[in-house]
C-alpha cells in the first residue's frame, strides 16, 4: 500500500489524493461507442438484437420461449440452496424490509382560504432490477434492490440477469428473487439486457426505472438510457475508507480494507489515520492476509492501484480527508466514533465503531448497500424507498382563492412578456368583474 503524508500545508493538492478524488472519471470514452451501437440495435430490432448479443457475449441461445425463467426453475432452486442460506436470506429480507418501512412517504395537503395545495405520492408501476450473472452469485444485491421497491408499493418488479454458457441461472439468485418479491425474471444481461427493459421488446417488458449494479457496459447503458427510463445511479468500482485512531485493531482494519479490494481490480481501499503505529501495522497485515485470500490476484491488483494510507494530524483532519474523498463506505474505527459524526459530510454509508464492519451492512443490518461511488456521495444518497415513488403536485383554487392570488400572477406574466399567461388570468378576472356588476344591479 502507498503511504502518503498529508501533515503539511496545501495537503488538498497532494497528487495521490487528487488522483483518488478523480477516480470516477476515465473509462467512458473507451466503451461508449460500442454501448451506443448496442442500444440502437435493440431499439430497432428488439428480440432479434437481444438474442444475437446474448449468443455473442454470453454464449447462450435465447428464444422467446426460454428467455423468461419459469416458476418451476425457481422452485427447483430452493432444493439446490442449503437451508441455512435460505434462512439467512429470509433474515436479511426481514431486516432490510423493517428498516426501509421508515422511509415511506405519505401524500399531504395544506389549505388556506379558497386554496388547497398538496403532494400526491405514487409508486412507480414497473421497475427493472439488474443482477450480475455468470459464476458469481450476489443474492444480497437482489435483496437490496428489490425490497425497497416492494415496500414503496411497486406493482411489477422485473429482474434481468445473464445466463452465461448455459440457460441455468444461479440458484442463490433465484431464491433471493423469490423471497424478495420479484414478479418476473429474464435470463438476459449486459448493455443489451438494459436496453431491452428500457425500450421493451416482443417478449421482454418495458419498465419505468432500472436499478442494480453491473460492469462498465451495464453502467454506460444505464447512463445513456437515462431519460428513456429513470435509473438509480451510475455506479463504479466499490470502495472503503477507514478512519482509525490508536484504539483501532490493525488486523481488523486490514481485513475490512481487503473486503472491498477483493471485489474488483479497480476497487478502492483507503486508510486515514494520525497514528503511525496503526498505519505501519495495518499495511503489514494487509500484505500478510493477501497471501491467503482466494481472490488474491484481484485484491493484489486493487491494492496496487488504489490501496493508500493517508497520514493526518489528528482525527478531525482525518474527517476532512474523508470528506475530500467522499467514499462509498466509511468506517470510523475510533474510541468515540459518535463524536465524529457531525464532522463527516460526504459518505454513502457511515459505519461507527470497531465492531461495525462493512460486511454486516452488505448483508443483514438493514440499511441499503446500494451506495454512491467515485466521489458521488457528495450529491447522491443510498438506494431507498424514495427512489421508487414519484411525487405529483396537487392544486385547487376556488373563486375566493383566485381573487387572492390573481393580481400578482398577472403582474409576473406581464413582466416576463408571456401574453397568453396574462390573458389566462385576465379572462377569469373578467368574470369576477361581471359578477360584481350584477351584484350592483
Protein backbone atom coordinates (compact mmCIF):
# COMPACT_ATOMS: atom_id res chain seq x y z
CA UNK A 1 0.00 0.00 0.00
CA UNK A 2 1.16 3.53 -0.70
CA UNK A 3 1.73 5.75 2.34
CA UNK A 4 1.02 9.45 1.72
CA UNK A 5 1.84 12.19 4.24
CA UNK A 6 -0.84 14.88 4.44
CA UNK A 7 0.60 16.61 7.52
CA UNK A 8 1.52 19.74 5.58
CA UNK A 9 0.15 22.93 4.12
CA UNK A 10 -1.69 22.54 0.84
CA UNK A 11 -2.46 18.88 1.56
CA UNK A 12 -5.56 19.02 -0.66
CA UNK A 13 -3.26 19.39 -3.68
CA UNK A 14 -1.28 16.24 -2.89
CA UNK A 15 -1.15 14.36 -6.27
CA UNK A 16 -2.19 10.96 -4.89
CA UNK A 17 -5.20 12.47 -3.10
CA UNK A 18 -6.18 14.32 -6.28
CA UNK A 19 -5.89 11.09 -8.30
CA UNK A 20 -8.15 9.27 -5.89
CA UNK A 21 -10.67 12.13 -5.84
CA UNK A 22 -10.87 11.85 -9.64
CA UNK A 23 -11.18 8.07 -9.61
CA UNK A 24 -14.69 8.13 -11.06
CA UNK A 25 -13.53 9.56 -14.38
CA UNK A 26 -11.95 7.93 -17.38
CA UNK A 27 -13.40 4.68 -18.73
CA UNK A 28 -16.43 6.06 -20.57
CA UNK A 29 -14.77 7.08 -23.83
CA UNK A 30 -13.23 3.64 -24.37
CA UNK A 31 -16.57 1.79 -24.43
CA UNK A 32 -19.16 4.46 -25.22
CA UNK A 33 -19.46 3.84 -28.96
CA UNK A 34 -19.94 0.10 -28.54
CA UNK A 35 -22.66 0.60 -25.94
CA UNK A 36 -24.48 3.20 -28.06
CA UNK A 37 -24.43 0.80 -31.01
CA UNK A 38 -25.94 -1.99 -28.89
CA UNK A 39 -28.67 0.34 -27.60
CA UNK A 40 -29.58 1.48 -31.12
CA UNK A 41 -29.79 -2.09 -32.44
CA UNK A 42 -32.02 -3.21 -29.55
CA UNK A 43 -34.23 -0.16 -30.12
CA UNK A 44 -34.60 -1.02 -33.82
CA UNK A 45 -34.62 -4.84 -33.82
CA UNK A 46 -35.92 -5.86 -30.38
CA UNK A 47 -35.70 -9.56 -29.54
CA UNK A 48 -33.59 -10.33 -32.59
CA UNK A 49 -30.80 -7.99 -31.45
CA UNK A 50 -31.05 -9.06 -27.78
CA UNK A 51 -30.78 -12.75 -28.62
CA UNK A 52 -27.93 -12.12 -31.05
CA UNK A 53 -25.91 -10.25 -28.41
CA UNK A 54 -26.65 -12.98 -25.84
CA UNK A 55 -25.19 -15.51 -28.27
CA UNK A 56 -22.15 -13.30 -28.91
CA UNK A 57 -21.32 -12.21 -25.37
CA UNK A 58 -22.81 -14.87 -23.08
CA UNK A 59 -22.58 -17.92 -25.39
CA UNK A 60 -26.21 -18.83 -24.80
CA UNK A 61 -29.07 -19.49 -27.25
CA UNK A 62 -32.12 -17.48 -26.20
CA UNK A 63 -35.57 -17.67 -27.77
CA UNK A 64 -38.94 -16.09 -26.95
CA UNK A 65 -39.84 -19.40 -25.30
CA UNK A 66 -36.83 -19.72 -22.95
CA UNK A 67 -35.80 -16.15 -22.17
CA UNK A 68 -38.16 -15.98 -19.20
CA UNK A 69 -37.33 -18.02 -16.10
CA UNK A 70 -40.20 -20.36 -15.20
CA UNK A 71 -41.80 -20.81 -11.79
CA UNK A 72 -40.63 -24.42 -11.85
CA UNK A 73 -37.00 -23.31 -12.18
CA UNK A 74 -37.41 -21.09 -9.15
CA UNK A 75 -38.92 -23.94 -7.16
CA UNK A 76 -36.01 -26.20 -8.14
CA UNK A 77 -33.55 -23.55 -6.98
CA UNK A 78 -34.83 -23.86 -3.40
CA UNK A 79 -33.84 -27.55 -3.47
CA UNK A 80 -30.28 -26.67 -4.51
CA UNK A 81 -29.63 -23.97 -1.92
CA UNK A 82 -28.65 -25.10 1.63
CA UNK A 83 -31.38 -24.50 4.21
CA UNK A 84 -29.11 -22.32 6.33
CA UNK A 85 -28.55 -19.99 3.37
CA UNK A 86 -32.31 -19.77 2.72
CA UNK A 87 -32.83 -18.88 6.38
CA UNK A 88 -30.03 -16.29 6.22
CA UNK A 89 -31.68 -14.70 3.18
CA UNK A 90 -35.04 -14.63 4.97
CA UNK A 91 -33.32 -12.96 7.93
CA UNK A 92 -31.77 -10.35 5.62
CA UNK A 93 -35.05 -9.67 3.79
CA UNK A 94 -36.86 -9.18 7.10
CA UNK A 95 -34.29 -6.70 8.43
CA UNK A 96 -33.99 -4.76 5.16
CA UNK A 97 -37.78 -4.51 4.90
CA UNK A 98 -38.13 -3.36 8.52
CA UNK A 99 -35.52 -0.61 8.05
CA UNK A 100 -36.98 0.62 4.76
CA UNK A 101 -40.52 0.83 6.15
CA UNK A 102 -39.36 4.00 7.93
CA UNK A 103 -38.61 5.66 4.56
CA UNK A 104 -42.18 5.53 3.27
CA UNK A 105 -43.63 8.90 2.29
CA UNK A 106 -47.25 10.00 2.55
CA UNK A 107 -49.32 12.33 0.43
CA UNK A 108 -50.28 15.55 2.16
CA UNK A 109 -52.49 18.63 1.73
CA UNK A 110 -52.33 22.15 3.15
CA UNK A 111 -55.21 24.60 2.99
CA UNK A 112 -55.76 28.32 3.14
CA UNK A 113 -58.92 30.32 2.33
CA UNK A 114 -60.02 29.26 -1.16
CA UNK A 115 -56.89 27.25 -1.94
CA UNK A 116 -55.91 23.61 -1.43
CA UNK A 117 -52.32 22.56 -2.18
CA UNK A 118 -50.65 19.23 -1.74
CA UNK A 119 -48.39 16.46 -2.90
CA UNK A 120 -49.54 13.06 -4.10
CA UNK A 121 -47.02 10.24 -3.65
CA UNK A 122 -47.44 7.40 -6.16
CA UNK A 123 -45.32 4.23 -6.51
CA UNK A 124 -43.72 3.54 -9.87
CA UNK A 125 -45.64 0.87 -11.79
CA UNK A 126 -42.77 -1.18 -13.26
CA UNK A 127 -39.15 -1.38 -12.12
CA UNK A 128 -36.30 -3.37 -13.66
CA UNK A 129 -33.57 -4.81 -11.43
CA UNK A 130 -30.24 -5.78 -12.95
CA UNK A 131 -28.36 -8.59 -11.19
CA UNK A 132 -24.88 -9.64 -12.37
CA UNK A 133 -24.71 -13.25 -13.54
CA UNK A 134 -22.10 -15.78 -14.55
CA UNK A 135 -20.15 -17.73 -11.95
CA UNK A 136 -20.60 -15.10 -9.24
CA UNK A 137 -23.74 -15.01 -7.11
CA UNK A 138 -24.88 -11.84 -5.37
CA UNK A 139 -28.18 -12.67 -3.67
CA UNK A 140 -27.66 -9.74 -1.29
CA UNK A 141 -27.79 -7.40 -4.28
CA UNK A 142 -31.19 -8.83 -5.18
CA UNK A 143 -32.49 -8.20 -1.67
CA UNK A 144 -31.20 -4.62 -1.51
CA UNK A 145 -32.63 -3.62 -4.89
CA UNK A 146 -35.98 -5.38 -4.72
CA UNK A 147 -37.16 -5.00 -1.12
CA UNK A 148 -37.34 -1.16 -1.06
CA UNK A 149 -39.23 -1.24 -4.36
CA UNK A 150 -41.80 -3.59 -2.86
CA UNK A 151 -42.03 -1.53 0.34
CA UNK A 152 -42.71 1.51 -1.86
CA UNK A 153 -45.62 -0.34 -3.49
CA UNK A 154 -44.19 -1.05 -6.95
CA UNK A 155 -46.66 -3.36 -8.70
CA UNK A 156 -44.28 -5.17 -11.04
CA UNK A 157 -40.59 -5.85 -10.41
CA UNK A 158 -38.82 -7.35 -13.41
CA UNK A 159 -35.38 -8.86 -12.84
CA UNK A 160 -32.82 -9.46 -15.56
CA UNK A 161 -29.68 -11.50 -15.04
CA UNK A 162 -27.46 -13.05 -17.71
CA UNK A 163 -27.24 -16.78 -18.28
CA UNK A 164 -23.63 -17.49 -19.22
CA UNK A 165 -22.68 -20.61 -21.17
CA UNK A 166 -25.98 -22.36 -20.41
CA UNK A 167 -29.60 -21.48 -19.67
CA UNK A 168 -29.14 -22.13 -15.95
CA UNK A 169 -29.39 -19.16 -13.57
CA UNK A 170 -27.55 -19.27 -10.26
CA UNK A 171 -29.96 -20.84 -7.71
CA UNK A 172 -28.92 -18.40 -4.94
CA UNK A 173 -30.03 -15.53 -7.18
CA UNK A 174 -33.38 -17.19 -7.89
CA UNK A 175 -34.07 -17.95 -4.21
CA UNK A 176 -33.26 -14.35 -3.24
CA UNK A 177 -35.54 -13.09 -6.01
CA UNK A 178 -38.46 -15.17 -4.80
CA UNK A 179 -38.01 -14.21 -1.15
CA UNK A 180 -37.66 -10.51 -2.02
CA UNK A 181 -40.80 -10.36 -4.16
CA UNK A 182 -39.60 -10.33 -7.79
CA UNK A 183 -42.51 -10.83 -10.19
CA UNK A 184 -40.70 -11.85 -13.40
CA UNK A 185 -37.17 -12.96 -14.26
CA UNK A 186 -35.49 -12.88 -17.68
CA UNK A 187 -32.15 -14.55 -18.42
CA UNK A 188 -30.54 -11.65 -20.24
CA UNK A 189 -27.87 -9.16 -19.19
CA UNK A 190 -25.26 -6.73 -20.45
CA UNK A 191 -25.97 -3.48 -22.24
CA UNK A 192 -28.42 -5.34 -24.49
CA UNK A 193 -30.43 -6.50 -21.47
CA UNK A 194 -30.57 -2.98 -20.07
CA UNK A 195 -31.72 -1.63 -23.44
CA UNK A 196 -34.33 -4.41 -23.69
CA UNK A 197 -36.13 -3.39 -20.49
CA UNK A 198 -35.69 0.30 -21.26
CA UNK A 199 -37.46 0.07 -24.64
CA UNK A 200 -39.38 -3.20 -24.28
CA UNK A 201 -39.20 -5.94 -26.92
CA UNK A 202 -41.62 -8.54 -28.25
CA UNK A 203 -41.08 -10.71 -25.16
CA UNK A 204 -39.36 -8.51 -22.58
CA UNK A 205 -41.44 -5.78 -20.88
CA UNK A 206 -40.56 -2.09 -20.75
CA UNK A 207 -40.02 -0.68 -17.27
CA UNK A 208 -40.06 2.83 -15.81
CA UNK A 209 -36.80 2.63 -13.86
CA UNK A 210 -33.69 0.44 -13.87
CA UNK A 211 -31.62 -0.22 -10.74
CA UNK A 212 -28.79 -2.55 -9.85
CA UNK A 213 -25.03 -2.92 -10.35
CA UNK A 214 -23.13 -4.19 -13.38
CA UNK A 215 -19.92 -3.88 -15.34
CA UNK A 216 -18.84 -0.83 -17.35
CA UNK A 217 -21.14 -1.78 -20.25
CA UNK A 218 -24.15 -2.00 -17.95
CA UNK A 219 -23.25 1.25 -16.20
CA UNK A 220 -22.87 3.13 -19.50
CA UNK A 221 -26.09 1.67 -20.90
CA UNK A 222 -27.96 2.92 -17.86
CA UNK A 223 -26.34 6.33 -18.20
CA UNK A 224 -27.17 6.67 -21.91
CA UNK A 225 -30.76 5.46 -21.39
CA UNK A 226 -31.48 7.89 -18.57
CA UNK A 227 -34.42 9.92 -19.83
CA UNK A 228 -35.96 6.97 -21.63
CA UNK A 229 -36.17 5.44 -18.17
CA UNK A 230 -35.06 6.60 -14.75
CA UNK A 231 -32.01 4.96 -13.15
CA UNK A 232 -30.66 4.69 -9.61
CA UNK A 233 -27.12 5.93 -10.27
CA UNK A 234 -24.09 5.27 -12.45
CA UNK A 235 -22.10 3.05 -10.12
CA UNK A 236 -18.37 2.49 -10.33
CA UNK A 237 -15.98 0.11 -8.53
CA UNK A 238 -16.58 -0.44 -4.82
CA UNK A 239 -14.54 1.42 -2.21
CA UNK A 240 -13.94 1.67 1.52
CA UNK A 241 -12.26 4.31 3.67
CA UNK A 242 -11.36 3.62 7.31
CA UNK A 243 -10.68 6.44 9.77
CA UNK A 244 -8.61 4.90 12.56
CA UNK A 245 -7.10 6.15 15.81
CA UNK A 246 -4.77 4.44 18.27
CA UNK A 247 -7.61 2.21 19.59
CA UNK A 248 -8.16 0.51 16.24
CA UNK A 249 -7.18 -3.11 15.67
CA UNK A 250 -4.79 -3.20 12.65
CA UNK A 251 -5.78 -6.80 11.91
CA UNK A 252 -9.46 -5.87 11.74
CA UNK A 253 -8.78 -2.76 9.68
CA UNK A 254 -6.65 -4.71 7.20
CA UNK A 255 -9.40 -7.31 6.76
CA UNK A 256 -12.01 -4.62 6.16
CA UNK A 257 -9.83 -2.95 3.53
CA UNK A 258 -9.41 -6.29 1.75
CA UNK A 259 -13.17 -6.92 1.88
CA UNK A 260 -13.51 -4.26 -0.79
CA UNK A 261 -10.24 -4.93 -2.60
CA UNK A 262 -11.39 -8.47 -3.41
CA UNK A 263 -14.38 -7.10 -5.36
CA UNK A 264 -12.55 -5.62 -8.31
CA UNK A 265 -9.09 -4.66 -9.58
CA UNK A 266 -10.27 -1.03 -9.58
CA UNK A 267 -11.83 -1.11 -6.09
CA UNK A 268 -10.50 1.45 -3.60
CA UNK A 269 -9.16 0.70 -0.09
CA UNK A 270 -8.10 3.75 1.92
CA UNK A 271 -6.85 4.08 5.49
CA UNK A 272 -6.79 7.55 7.04
CA UNK A 273 -5.02 7.80 10.40
CA UNK A 274 -2.91 10.12 12.51
CA UNK A 275 -1.28 7.17 14.30
CA UNK A 276 1.98 5.91 12.76
CA UNK A 277 1.80 2.55 14.53
CA UNK A 278 -1.69 1.84 13.20
CA UNK A 279 -0.53 2.77 9.70
CA UNK A 280 2.54 0.52 9.79
CA UNK A 281 0.83 -2.49 11.36
CA UNK A 282 -2.19 -2.26 9.06
CA UNK A 283 0.00 -2.19 5.93
CA UNK A 284 1.89 -5.21 7.22
CA UNK A 285 -1.36 -7.07 7.98
CA UNK A 286 -2.80 -6.30 4.54
CA UNK A 287 0.18 -7.86 2.77
CA UNK A 288 0.17 -10.88 5.07
CA UNK A 289 -3.54 -11.53 4.57
CA UNK A 290 -3.30 -11.07 0.81
CA UNK A 291 -1.23 -14.26 0.60
CA UNK A 292 -4.13 -16.34 1.93
CA UNK A 293 -7.06 -14.82 0.02
CA UNK A 294 -8.84 -16.96 -2.57
CA UNK A 295 -9.29 -13.85 -4.73
CA UNK A 296 -5.65 -12.93 -4.19
CA UNK A 297 -4.92 -11.76 -7.75
CA UNK A 298 -7.89 -9.38 -7.83
CA UNK A 299 -7.18 -7.99 -4.36
CA UNK A 300 -3.48 -7.52 -5.11
CA UNK A 301 -4.26 -5.50 -8.24
CA UNK A 302 -6.76 -3.42 -6.29
CA UNK A 303 -4.27 -2.66 -3.53
CA UNK A 304 -1.63 -1.85 -6.14
CA UNK A 305 -3.98 0.52 -7.98
CA UNK A 306 -5.81 2.23 -5.13
CA UNK A 307 -4.57 0.91 -1.79
CA UNK A 308 -3.47 4.01 0.12
CA UNK A 309 -2.70 5.09 3.67
CA UNK A 310 -3.07 8.82 4.35
CA UNK A 311 -1.25 10.17 7.41
CA UNK A 312 -3.06 13.06 9.10
CA UNK A 313 -2.55 15.43 12.04
CA UNK A 314 -5.49 14.22 14.16
CA UNK A 315 -8.92 12.59 13.89
CA UNK A 316 -10.55 15.87 12.81
CA UNK A 317 -8.07 16.21 9.97
CA UNK A 318 -8.87 12.59 9.10
CA UNK A 319 -12.54 13.57 8.75
CA UNK A 320 -11.53 16.39 6.40
CA UNK A 321 -9.60 13.95 4.23
CA UNK A 322 -12.56 11.56 4.21
CA UNK A 323 -14.82 14.40 3.09
CA UNK A 324 -12.47 15.15 0.20
CA UNK A 325 -12.64 11.54 -0.97
CA UNK A 326 -16.41 11.12 -0.28
CA UNK A 327 -16.23 7.31 -0.07
CA UNK A 328 -18.95 4.76 -0.68
CA UNK A 329 -18.27 3.01 2.65
CA UNK A 330 -16.76 4.93 5.58
CA UNK A 331 -15.74 3.06 8.74
CA UNK A 332 -14.95 5.11 11.85
CA UNK A 333 -12.68 2.85 13.94
CA UNK A 334 -12.05 5.24 16.83
CA UNK A 335 -12.56 5.40 20.57
CA UNK A 336 -15.56 7.75 20.34
CA UNK A 337 -16.99 7.36 16.82
CA UNK A 338 -20.27 9.19 17.50
CA UNK A 339 -18.28 12.29 18.45
CA UNK A 340 -17.03 12.49 14.86
CA UNK A 341 -20.39 12.08 13.14
CA UNK A 342 -21.03 15.82 12.82
CA UNK A 343 -17.63 16.26 11.15
CA UNK A 344 -18.42 13.76 8.38
CA UNK A 345 -20.20 15.41 5.45
CA UNK A 346 -19.77 13.07 2.48
CA UNK A 347 -20.16 9.28 2.63
CA UNK A 348 -22.57 6.73 1.21
CA UNK A 349 -22.79 4.77 4.47
CA UNK A 350 -21.10 5.50 7.80
CA UNK A 351 -20.11 2.54 9.99
CA UNK A 352 -19.43 3.64 13.57
CA UNK A 353 -17.27 1.67 15.98
CA UNK A 354 -14.79 -1.18 15.91
CA UNK A 355 -17.37 -3.98 15.57
CA UNK A 356 -19.41 -2.36 12.81
CA UNK A 357 -17.62 -3.90 9.85
CA UNK A 358 -18.84 -3.03 6.38
CA UNK A 359 -19.63 -6.70 5.67
CA UNK A 360 -22.52 -6.60 8.18
CA UNK A 361 -24.00 -3.69 6.26
CA UNK A 362 -23.64 -5.56 2.98
CA UNK A 363 -25.87 -8.35 4.19
CA UNK A 364 -28.02 -8.10 7.28
CA UNK A 365 -28.08 -4.81 9.20
CA UNK A 366 -30.93 -3.29 7.17
CA UNK A 367 -29.74 -0.04 5.53
CA UNK A 368 -29.24 -0.37 1.79
CA UNK A 369 -25.87 -1.40 0.42
CA UNK A 370 -26.51 0.19 -3.00
CA UNK A 371 -24.41 3.30 -2.46
CA UNK A 372 -22.85 6.16 -4.44
CA UNK A 373 -19.28 5.59 -5.61
CA UNK A 374 -16.45 7.55 -7.21
CA UNK A 375 -16.97 10.60 -5.03
CA UNK A 376 -20.67 10.93 -5.95
CA UNK A 377 -21.56 10.61 -2.25
CA UNK A 378 -21.23 14.41 -2.36
CA UNK A 379 -24.63 14.56 -4.05
CA UNK A 380 -26.15 11.05 -4.21
CA UNK A 381 -27.82 9.00 -1.45
CA UNK A 382 -28.17 5.26 -0.79
CA UNK A 383 -30.93 3.48 -2.69
CA UNK A 384 -34.19 3.66 -0.77
CA UNK A 385 -37.97 3.60 -0.88
CA UNK A 386 -37.91 7.23 -2.03
CA UNK A 387 -36.26 6.06 -5.29
CA UNK A 388 -39.34 4.04 -6.23
CA UNK A 389 -42.03 6.69 -5.91
CA UNK A 390 -42.85 9.86 -7.78
CA UNK A 391 -44.44 13.00 -6.44
CA UNK A 392 -47.20 14.97 -8.14
CA UNK A 393 -48.19 18.45 -7.05
CA UNK A 394 -51.94 18.89 -6.41
CA UNK A 395 -53.52 22.36 -6.71
CA UNK A 396 -57.09 23.62 -6.29
CA UNK A 397 -58.27 27.25 -6.36
CA UNK A 398 -61.83 28.47 -5.74
CA UNK A 399 -63.21 31.86 -6.78
CA UNK A 400 -62.20 33.21 -3.39
CA UNK A 401 -58.69 31.84 -3.70
CA UNK A 402 -58.37 33.17 -7.24
CA UNK A 403 -59.22 36.65 -6.06
CA UNK A 404 -56.38 36.47 -3.52
CA UNK A 405 -53.58 35.45 -5.92
CA UNK A 406 -54.58 36.54 -9.44
CA UNK A 407 -53.12 40.05 -9.25
CA UNK A 408 -49.50 39.06 -8.51
CA UNK A 409 -49.72 36.23 -11.08
CA UNK A 410 -50.89 38.68 -13.76
CA UNK A 411 -48.08 41.09 -12.93
CA UNK A 412 -45.42 38.37 -13.16
CA UNK A 413 -46.79 37.15 -16.50
CA UNK A 414 -46.68 40.73 -17.77
CA UNK A 415 -43.05 41.25 -16.69
CA UNK A 416 -41.99 38.02 -18.42
CA UNK A 417 -43.72 39.04 -21.65
CA UNK A 418 -45.94 35.95 -21.75
CA UNK A 419 -49.20 37.33 -23.08
CA UNK A 420 -51.27 34.14 -23.02
CA UNK A 421 -50.25 33.55 -19.42
CA UNK A 422 -51.52 37.03 -18.54
CA UNK A 423 -54.73 36.56 -20.55
CA UNK A 424 -55.46 33.23 -18.81
CA UNK A 425 -55.66 35.21 -15.57
CA UNK A 426 -57.49 38.21 -17.05
CA UNK A 427 -60.31 36.18 -18.65
CA UNK A 428 -61.13 34.85 -15.20
CA UNK A 429 -60.85 38.31 -13.69
CA UNK A 430 -63.36 39.48 -16.29
CA UNK A 431 -65.89 37.00 -14.95
CA UNK A 432 -65.20 38.34 -11.47
CA UNK A 433 -65.88 41.92 -12.68
CA UNK A 434 -69.12 40.87 -14.41
CA UNK A 435 -70.26 39.16 -11.22
CA UNK A 436 -69.58 42.34 -9.22
CA UNK A 437 -71.51 44.43 -11.78
CA UNK A 438 -74.50 42.12 -11.49
CA UNK A 439 -74.37 42.44 -7.71
CA UNK A 440 -74.69 46.21 -8.02
CA UNK A 441 -77.73 45.84 -10.32
